[in-house]
N, C-alpha and C. Protein backbone atom coordinates (compact mmCIF):
# COMPACT_ATOMS: atom_id res chain seq x y z
N MET A 1 0.80 -1.19 0.00
CA MET A 1 0.00 0.00 0.00
C MET A 1 0.84 1.25 0.00
N LYS A 2 1.91 1.16 0.69
CA LYS A 2 2.75 2.33 0.74
C LYS A 2 3.31 2.65 -0.64
N LYS A 3 3.57 1.65 -1.40
CA LYS A 3 4.12 1.90 -2.72
C LYS A 3 3.11 2.66 -3.58
N LYS A 4 1.86 2.30 -3.49
CA LYS A 4 0.84 2.98 -4.28
C LYS A 4 0.71 4.43 -3.84
N SER A 5 0.68 4.61 -2.53
CA SER A 5 0.54 5.98 -2.07
C SER A 5 1.79 6.78 -2.42
N ASP A 6 2.96 6.16 -2.36
CA ASP A 6 4.17 6.86 -2.78
C ASP A 6 4.13 7.16 -4.26
N GLY A 7 3.63 6.27 -5.04
CA GLY A 7 3.53 6.49 -6.48
C GLY A 7 2.57 7.62 -6.80
N LYS A 8 1.49 7.70 -6.09
CA LYS A 8 0.53 8.79 -6.31
C LYS A 8 1.14 10.13 -5.94
N GLU A 9 1.90 10.14 -4.85
CA GLU A 9 2.53 11.39 -4.43
C GLU A 9 3.54 11.86 -5.46
N THR A 10 4.25 10.95 -6.04
CA THR A 10 5.23 11.37 -7.04
C THR A 10 4.54 11.87 -8.29
N ASP A 11 3.41 11.28 -8.65
CA ASP A 11 2.67 11.79 -9.80
C ASP A 11 2.12 13.18 -9.51
N GLU A 12 1.62 13.39 -8.30
CA GLU A 12 1.09 14.70 -7.94
C GLU A 12 2.20 15.75 -7.89
N THR A 13 3.35 15.39 -7.35
CA THR A 13 4.45 16.37 -7.30
C THR A 13 4.95 16.67 -8.70
N LYS A 14 4.93 15.72 -9.60
CA LYS A 14 5.31 15.99 -10.98
C LYS A 14 4.33 16.97 -11.62
N LYS A 15 3.04 16.78 -11.36
CA LYS A 15 2.04 17.69 -11.89
C LYS A 15 2.24 19.09 -11.33
N LYS A 16 2.53 19.20 -10.03
CA LYS A 16 2.74 20.50 -9.40
C LYS A 16 3.99 21.17 -9.95
N LYS A 17 5.02 20.41 -10.21
CA LYS A 17 6.26 20.97 -10.75
C LYS A 17 6.03 21.55 -12.14
N TRP A 18 5.19 20.95 -12.94
CA TRP A 18 4.92 21.46 -14.29
C TRP A 18 3.89 22.60 -14.27
N PHE A 19 3.04 22.58 -13.31
CA PHE A 19 1.96 23.57 -13.24
C PHE A 19 2.50 24.99 -13.03
N LEU A 20 3.42 25.19 -12.13
CA LEU A 20 3.95 26.51 -11.82
C LEU A 20 4.69 27.15 -13.01
N PRO A 21 5.62 26.48 -13.69
CA PRO A 21 6.26 27.10 -14.85
C PRO A 21 5.28 27.43 -15.97
N VAL A 22 4.27 26.61 -16.17
CA VAL A 22 3.29 26.87 -17.22
C VAL A 22 2.51 28.14 -16.89
N ILE A 23 2.12 28.33 -15.65
CA ILE A 23 1.40 29.53 -15.22
C ILE A 23 2.29 30.76 -15.41
N ILE A 24 3.55 30.67 -15.06
CA ILE A 24 4.49 31.80 -15.22
C ILE A 24 4.64 32.16 -16.69
N ILE A 25 4.79 31.18 -17.54
CA ILE A 25 4.95 31.43 -18.98
C ILE A 25 3.69 32.05 -19.56
N ILE A 26 2.53 31.54 -19.20
CA ILE A 26 1.27 32.07 -19.73
C ILE A 26 1.07 33.51 -19.26
N SER A 27 1.33 33.79 -17.98
CA SER A 27 1.14 35.17 -17.48
C SER A 27 2.15 36.12 -18.12
N THR A 28 3.38 35.66 -18.38
CA THR A 28 4.37 36.50 -19.05
C THR A 28 3.92 36.84 -20.47
N VAL A 29 3.38 35.85 -21.17
CA VAL A 29 2.90 36.07 -22.54
C VAL A 29 1.72 37.06 -22.53
N ILE A 30 0.83 36.92 -21.59
CA ILE A 30 -0.32 37.82 -21.50
C ILE A 30 0.13 39.24 -21.19
N ILE A 31 0.99 39.42 -20.22
CA ILE A 31 1.50 40.75 -19.87
C ILE A 31 2.25 41.37 -21.04
N GLY A 32 3.07 40.57 -21.70
CA GLY A 32 3.79 41.06 -22.88
C GLY A 32 2.84 41.49 -23.99
N GLY A 33 1.79 40.73 -24.20
CA GLY A 33 0.79 41.08 -25.21
C GLY A 33 0.08 42.39 -24.89
N VAL A 34 -0.24 42.58 -23.63
CA VAL A 34 -0.90 43.83 -23.22
C VAL A 34 0.04 45.01 -23.43
N ILE A 35 1.30 44.86 -23.09
CA ILE A 35 2.28 45.94 -23.28
C ILE A 35 2.44 46.26 -24.76
N VAL A 36 2.60 45.23 -25.59
CA VAL A 36 2.75 45.44 -27.03
C VAL A 36 1.50 46.11 -27.61
N PHE A 37 0.34 45.66 -27.20
CA PHE A 37 -0.90 46.27 -27.69
C PHE A 37 -0.97 47.73 -27.26
N GLY A 38 -0.57 48.02 -26.04
CA GLY A 38 -0.61 49.41 -25.56
C GLY A 38 0.30 50.32 -26.36
N PHE A 39 1.49 49.86 -26.73
CA PHE A 39 2.41 50.69 -27.49
C PHE A 39 2.02 50.81 -28.95
N THR A 40 1.30 49.84 -29.47
CA THR A 40 0.93 49.92 -30.88
C THR A 40 -0.46 50.50 -31.09
N SER A 41 -1.17 50.76 -30.02
CA SER A 41 -2.50 51.36 -30.19
C SER A 41 -2.37 52.82 -30.61
N GLY A 42 -3.43 53.39 -31.11
CA GLY A 42 -3.41 54.75 -31.63
C GLY A 42 -3.10 55.79 -30.57
N LYS A 43 -3.60 55.64 -29.36
CA LYS A 43 -3.35 56.61 -28.30
C LYS A 43 -1.88 56.65 -27.92
N ALA A 44 -1.27 55.50 -27.82
CA ALA A 44 0.15 55.47 -27.46
C ALA A 44 1.00 56.08 -28.56
N GLN A 45 0.66 55.80 -29.81
CA GLN A 45 1.41 56.37 -30.92
C GLN A 45 1.24 57.88 -30.97
N ALA A 46 0.03 58.37 -30.71
CA ALA A 46 -0.21 59.81 -30.69
C ALA A 46 0.58 60.47 -29.56
N PHE A 47 0.62 59.82 -28.41
CA PHE A 47 1.39 60.35 -27.29
C PHE A 47 2.87 60.42 -27.62
N MET A 48 3.40 59.37 -28.21
CA MET A 48 4.82 59.35 -28.57
C MET A 48 5.11 60.40 -29.64
N LYS A 49 4.19 60.61 -30.56
CA LYS A 49 4.37 61.62 -31.61
C LYS A 49 4.41 63.01 -31.00
N ASN A 50 3.54 63.29 -30.04
CA ASN A 50 3.52 64.58 -29.36
C ASN A 50 4.82 64.81 -28.62
N LEU A 51 5.36 63.78 -28.00
CA LEU A 51 6.64 63.93 -27.29
C LEU A 51 7.76 64.29 -28.25
N SER A 52 7.77 63.69 -29.42
CA SER A 52 8.83 63.97 -30.38
C SER A 52 8.65 65.35 -31.00
N GLU A 53 7.41 65.85 -31.09
CA GLU A 53 7.18 67.16 -31.69
C GLU A 53 7.51 68.30 -30.75
N GLU A 54 7.51 68.04 -29.43
CA GLU A 54 7.78 69.09 -28.47
C GLU A 54 9.28 69.29 -28.29
N LYS A 55 9.94 69.61 -29.36
CA LYS A 55 11.36 69.88 -29.32
C LYS A 55 11.59 71.32 -28.88
N VAL A 56 12.75 71.56 -28.32
CA VAL A 56 13.09 72.90 -27.88
C VAL A 56 13.35 73.75 -29.12
N VAL A 57 12.71 74.90 -29.16
CA VAL A 57 12.89 75.82 -30.27
C VAL A 57 13.88 76.89 -29.80
N GLU A 58 15.08 76.83 -30.32
CA GLU A 58 16.11 77.78 -29.93
C GLU A 58 16.09 78.95 -30.88
N THR A 59 16.08 80.15 -30.31
CA THR A 59 16.05 81.37 -31.10
C THR A 59 17.10 82.33 -30.58
N THR A 60 17.93 82.82 -31.48
CA THR A 60 18.90 83.87 -31.15
C THR A 60 18.61 85.05 -32.04
N VAL A 61 18.33 86.20 -31.42
CA VAL A 61 17.98 87.39 -32.17
C VAL A 61 19.03 88.47 -31.88
N PRO A 62 19.75 88.92 -32.90
CA PRO A 62 20.73 90.00 -32.68
C PRO A 62 20.01 91.34 -32.55
N LEU A 63 20.53 92.15 -31.66
CA LEU A 63 20.01 93.51 -31.47
C LEU A 63 20.96 94.49 -32.14
N GLU A 64 20.44 95.64 -32.52
CA GLU A 64 21.31 96.66 -33.09
C GLU A 64 22.30 97.12 -32.03
N GLU A 65 23.41 97.69 -32.46
CA GLU A 65 24.44 98.09 -31.50
C GLU A 65 23.95 99.21 -30.59
N PHE A 66 24.54 99.23 -29.40
CA PHE A 66 24.25 100.24 -28.41
C PHE A 66 25.49 101.11 -28.25
N LEU A 67 25.31 102.42 -28.15
CA LEU A 67 26.40 103.36 -27.84
C LEU A 67 25.96 104.11 -26.60
N ILE A 68 26.67 103.87 -25.50
CA ILE A 68 26.22 104.34 -24.19
C ILE A 68 27.35 105.05 -23.46
N ASN A 69 27.01 106.13 -22.76
CA ASN A 69 27.94 106.79 -21.85
C ASN A 69 28.00 105.96 -20.57
N LEU A 70 29.21 105.60 -20.18
CA LEU A 70 29.37 104.88 -18.93
C LEU A 70 29.45 105.87 -17.77
N THR A 71 29.10 105.43 -16.60
CA THR A 71 29.24 106.26 -15.41
C THR A 71 30.73 106.44 -15.14
N SER A 72 31.14 107.67 -14.98
CA SER A 72 32.56 107.92 -14.75
C SER A 72 32.76 108.52 -13.37
N GLU A 73 33.94 108.27 -12.83
CA GLU A 73 34.28 108.86 -11.54
C GLU A 73 34.62 110.32 -11.77
N GLU A 74 34.47 111.12 -10.74
CA GLU A 74 34.74 112.54 -10.88
C GLU A 74 36.19 112.77 -11.25
N GLY A 75 36.39 113.71 -12.17
CA GLY A 75 37.74 114.06 -12.59
C GLY A 75 38.27 113.18 -13.71
N LYS A 76 37.54 112.12 -14.04
CA LYS A 76 37.98 111.24 -15.13
C LYS A 76 37.25 111.61 -16.41
N LYS A 77 37.91 111.31 -17.51
CA LYS A 77 37.32 111.58 -18.82
C LYS A 77 36.12 110.66 -19.04
N GLU A 78 35.09 111.21 -19.68
CA GLU A 78 33.89 110.43 -19.98
C GLU A 78 34.25 109.31 -20.95
N GLN A 79 33.69 108.12 -20.71
CA GLN A 79 33.98 106.99 -21.58
C GLN A 79 32.67 106.46 -22.18
N PHE A 80 32.82 105.93 -23.39
CA PHE A 80 31.67 105.41 -24.12
C PHE A 80 31.84 103.91 -24.30
N LEU A 81 30.71 103.24 -24.31
CA LEU A 81 30.69 101.80 -24.52
C LEU A 81 29.88 101.53 -25.78
N LYS A 82 30.50 100.84 -26.72
CA LYS A 82 29.80 100.39 -27.92
C LYS A 82 29.70 98.88 -27.79
N ILE A 83 28.48 98.38 -27.78
CA ILE A 83 28.28 96.96 -27.53
C ILE A 83 27.18 96.43 -28.44
N GLU A 84 27.37 95.21 -28.92
CA GLU A 84 26.36 94.51 -29.70
C GLU A 84 25.99 93.24 -28.93
N LEU A 85 24.70 93.01 -28.83
CA LEU A 85 24.19 91.87 -28.08
C LEU A 85 23.27 91.02 -28.95
N SER A 86 23.18 89.77 -28.60
CA SER A 86 22.17 88.87 -29.15
C SER A 86 21.45 88.24 -27.97
N VAL A 87 20.14 88.17 -28.06
CA VAL A 87 19.37 87.54 -26.99
C VAL A 87 18.96 86.14 -27.44
N TYR A 88 18.97 85.22 -26.48
CA TYR A 88 18.72 83.81 -26.75
C TYR A 88 17.49 83.36 -25.95
N SER A 89 16.62 82.61 -26.63
CA SER A 89 15.43 82.09 -25.98
C SER A 89 15.16 80.67 -26.44
N GLU A 90 14.55 79.89 -25.57
CA GLU A 90 14.15 78.52 -25.91
C GLU A 90 12.63 78.39 -26.00
N GLU A 91 11.93 79.50 -25.91
CA GLU A 91 10.48 79.50 -25.94
C GLU A 91 9.95 79.46 -27.38
N LYS A 92 8.79 78.85 -27.55
CA LYS A 92 8.14 78.80 -28.86
C LYS A 92 7.64 80.20 -29.21
N ASP A 93 7.77 80.59 -30.45
CA ASP A 93 7.34 81.89 -30.97
C ASP A 93 8.03 83.07 -30.30
N SER A 94 9.21 82.85 -29.75
CA SER A 94 9.91 83.92 -29.04
C SER A 94 10.47 84.96 -30.00
N GLN A 95 10.85 84.56 -31.20
CA GLN A 95 11.43 85.52 -32.14
C GLN A 95 10.44 86.62 -32.46
N GLU A 96 9.19 86.27 -32.66
CA GLU A 96 8.16 87.25 -32.96
C GLU A 96 7.98 88.23 -31.80
N VAL A 97 7.97 87.71 -30.59
CA VAL A 97 7.81 88.57 -29.41
C VAL A 97 9.01 89.49 -29.26
N ILE A 98 10.22 88.96 -29.46
CA ILE A 98 11.43 89.76 -29.33
C ILE A 98 11.45 90.88 -30.36
N VAL A 99 11.09 90.57 -31.59
CA VAL A 99 11.10 91.59 -32.64
C VAL A 99 10.06 92.67 -32.36
N THR A 100 8.88 92.28 -31.93
CA THR A 100 7.85 93.30 -31.68
C THR A 100 8.13 94.12 -30.41
N LYS A 101 8.85 93.53 -29.47
CA LYS A 101 9.14 94.25 -28.21
C LYS A 101 10.57 94.77 -28.17
N THR A 102 11.20 94.95 -29.32
CA THR A 102 12.58 95.44 -29.36
C THR A 102 12.75 96.77 -28.65
N PRO A 103 11.84 97.74 -28.77
CA PRO A 103 12.03 99.00 -28.03
C PRO A 103 12.11 98.80 -26.51
N GLN A 104 11.27 97.93 -25.97
CA GLN A 104 11.31 97.66 -24.53
C GLN A 104 12.61 96.96 -24.14
N ILE A 105 13.08 96.06 -25.00
CA ILE A 105 14.34 95.37 -24.72
C ILE A 105 15.50 96.35 -24.75
N ARG A 106 15.53 97.20 -25.76
CA ARG A 106 16.60 98.20 -25.87
C ARG A 106 16.59 99.15 -24.67
N ASN A 107 15.42 99.56 -24.24
CA ASN A 107 15.30 100.44 -23.09
C ASN A 107 15.86 99.77 -21.83
N ALA A 108 15.53 98.51 -21.62
CA ALA A 108 16.04 97.78 -20.45
C ALA A 108 17.55 97.67 -20.50
N VAL A 109 18.11 97.37 -21.68
CA VAL A 109 19.56 97.24 -21.82
C VAL A 109 20.24 98.57 -21.54
N ILE A 110 19.72 99.65 -22.10
CA ILE A 110 20.31 100.98 -21.90
C ILE A 110 20.27 101.36 -20.42
N ASN A 111 19.15 101.11 -19.75
CA ASN A 111 19.03 101.45 -18.34
C ASN A 111 20.03 100.68 -17.47
N VAL A 112 20.33 99.47 -17.83
CA VAL A 112 21.32 98.70 -17.05
C VAL A 112 22.73 99.16 -17.38
N LEU A 113 23.04 99.32 -18.66
CA LEU A 113 24.42 99.63 -19.05
C LEU A 113 24.85 101.05 -18.68
N ARG A 114 23.95 102.00 -18.68
CA ARG A 114 24.34 103.38 -18.38
C ARG A 114 24.78 103.54 -16.93
N LYS A 115 24.42 102.63 -16.06
CA LYS A 115 24.81 102.67 -14.65
C LYS A 115 26.16 102.00 -14.41
N GLN A 116 26.73 101.40 -15.43
CA GLN A 116 27.97 100.64 -15.27
C GLN A 116 29.19 101.55 -15.38
N THR A 117 30.27 101.09 -14.80
CA THR A 117 31.56 101.77 -14.92
C THR A 117 32.46 100.90 -15.80
N PRO A 118 33.54 101.45 -16.31
CA PRO A 118 34.46 100.63 -17.11
C PRO A 118 34.97 99.41 -16.34
N GLU A 119 35.14 99.56 -15.04
CA GLU A 119 35.63 98.45 -14.23
C GLU A 119 34.63 97.30 -14.14
N THR A 120 33.35 97.62 -14.07
CA THR A 120 32.36 96.54 -13.99
C THR A 120 32.14 95.86 -15.33
N VAL A 121 32.31 96.60 -16.41
CA VAL A 121 32.13 95.99 -17.74
C VAL A 121 33.33 95.15 -18.12
N PHE A 122 34.53 95.67 -17.83
CA PHE A 122 35.75 94.98 -18.25
C PHE A 122 36.50 94.40 -17.06
N GLY A 123 35.82 94.17 -15.95
CA GLY A 123 36.45 93.62 -14.76
C GLY A 123 36.57 92.11 -14.83
N GLU A 124 36.43 91.50 -13.68
CA GLU A 124 36.52 90.05 -13.55
C GLU A 124 35.38 89.35 -14.28
N ASP A 125 35.56 88.07 -14.54
CA ASP A 125 34.52 87.27 -15.20
C ASP A 125 33.22 87.26 -14.40
N GLN A 126 33.34 87.20 -13.08
CA GLN A 126 32.14 87.17 -12.24
C GLN A 126 31.32 88.45 -12.41
N GLU A 127 32.00 89.58 -12.58
CA GLU A 127 31.28 90.83 -12.78
C GLU A 127 30.54 90.84 -14.12
N LEU A 128 31.17 90.28 -15.14
CA LEU A 128 30.52 90.19 -16.45
C LEU A 128 29.32 89.24 -16.40
N ILE A 129 29.48 88.14 -15.69
CA ILE A 129 28.37 87.20 -15.53
C ILE A 129 27.21 87.87 -14.78
N ALA A 130 27.54 88.62 -13.73
CA ALA A 130 26.51 89.33 -12.98
C ALA A 130 25.83 90.38 -13.86
N LEU A 131 26.60 91.05 -14.69
CA LEU A 131 26.02 92.05 -15.61
C LEU A 131 25.07 91.37 -16.60
N LYS A 132 25.47 90.24 -17.15
CA LYS A 132 24.59 89.51 -18.08
C LYS A 132 23.32 89.05 -17.38
N GLN A 133 23.45 88.57 -16.15
CA GLN A 133 22.27 88.15 -15.39
C GLN A 133 21.32 89.32 -15.12
N GLU A 134 21.91 90.48 -14.80
CA GLU A 134 21.08 91.66 -14.57
C GLU A 134 20.37 92.07 -15.87
N LEU A 135 21.08 92.00 -16.99
CA LEU A 135 20.46 92.32 -18.28
C LEU A 135 19.29 91.36 -18.57
N ILE A 136 19.51 90.09 -18.38
CA ILE A 136 18.47 89.08 -18.61
C ILE A 136 17.26 89.37 -17.72
N SER A 137 17.53 89.64 -16.45
CA SER A 137 16.46 89.91 -15.49
C SER A 137 15.65 91.14 -15.89
N GLN A 138 16.33 92.22 -16.25
CA GLN A 138 15.62 93.45 -16.61
C GLN A 138 14.86 93.31 -17.94
N ILE A 139 15.44 92.60 -18.89
CA ILE A 139 14.73 92.38 -20.16
C ILE A 139 13.47 91.56 -19.92
N ASN A 140 13.60 90.47 -19.16
CA ASN A 140 12.43 89.64 -18.87
C ASN A 140 11.37 90.42 -18.09
N LYS A 141 11.81 91.28 -17.19
CA LYS A 141 10.88 92.12 -16.43
C LYS A 141 10.13 93.06 -17.38
N SER A 142 10.84 93.63 -18.34
CA SER A 142 10.19 94.55 -19.28
C SER A 142 9.25 93.81 -20.24
N LEU A 143 9.54 92.55 -20.50
CA LEU A 143 8.66 91.75 -21.37
C LEU A 143 7.45 91.21 -20.62
N GLY A 144 7.55 91.17 -19.31
CA GLY A 144 6.44 90.65 -18.51
C GLY A 144 6.44 89.15 -18.35
N LYS A 145 7.45 88.48 -18.87
CA LYS A 145 7.58 87.03 -18.70
C LYS A 145 9.02 86.63 -18.89
N SER A 146 9.35 85.44 -18.44
CA SER A 146 10.72 84.95 -18.50
C SER A 146 10.97 84.32 -19.87
N LEU A 147 11.25 85.15 -20.85
CA LEU A 147 11.42 84.71 -22.23
C LEU A 147 12.89 84.52 -22.59
N ILE A 148 13.74 85.42 -22.13
CA ILE A 148 15.17 85.40 -22.48
C ILE A 148 15.91 84.53 -21.47
N SER A 149 16.69 83.57 -21.98
CA SER A 149 17.45 82.70 -21.08
C SER A 149 18.94 82.97 -21.10
N ASP A 150 19.44 83.69 -22.12
CA ASP A 150 20.86 84.02 -22.16
C ASP A 150 21.07 85.23 -23.06
N ILE A 151 22.22 85.85 -22.87
CA ILE A 151 22.63 86.99 -23.69
C ILE A 151 24.05 86.73 -24.16
N PHE A 152 24.29 86.98 -25.43
CA PHE A 152 25.63 86.84 -25.98
C PHE A 152 26.14 88.22 -26.36
N ILE A 153 27.33 88.53 -25.90
CA ILE A 153 27.98 89.79 -26.29
C ILE A 153 28.78 89.48 -27.54
N THR A 154 28.36 90.04 -28.66
CA THR A 154 28.99 89.73 -29.94
C THR A 154 30.06 90.73 -30.33
N ASN A 155 30.02 91.92 -29.74
CA ASN A 155 31.05 92.93 -30.02
C ASN A 155 31.03 93.93 -28.87
N ILE A 156 32.22 94.33 -28.43
CA ILE A 156 32.27 95.30 -27.33
C ILE A 156 33.53 96.14 -27.49
N ILE A 157 33.34 97.47 -27.44
CA ILE A 157 34.44 98.42 -27.56
C ILE A 157 34.20 99.54 -26.56
N MET A 158 35.27 99.94 -25.86
CA MET A 158 35.16 101.08 -24.97
C MET A 158 36.12 102.15 -25.45
N GLN A 159 35.65 103.40 -25.43
CA GLN A 159 36.49 104.51 -25.88
C GLN A 159 36.46 105.60 -24.86
């Protein structure tokens, strides 16, 4: 009798050993099918297309040159700054806004630069970086939104 019961147990354990891997394989195939269907359905393709279309639009707009009197210390000769700038933006349709708001941008630049001294314009790198940050801040303030992300100095002469 023991042999029969032992034989039945071995048959049952064999069935149990095959049952678990079969369930794992079937569930893996079902999950894989759901994932593949999700990626190939129209909604997923439309979502992926929108992600690829939302590329960063980089715009660099050169401004006309500025000729500005720098603040001078008493007793020193008046000095002039001739500078050309380009403004950089990553916003969509920023070029149109920059072109239409050029007078406001120029006004902001002039107001910042006329307060500068030759030492702050041609001083250390940190001073130039601070000057560029102030220009960006004042331009964005005059535009009413944070449109400009960088400024490039393309030409600079002091006389």
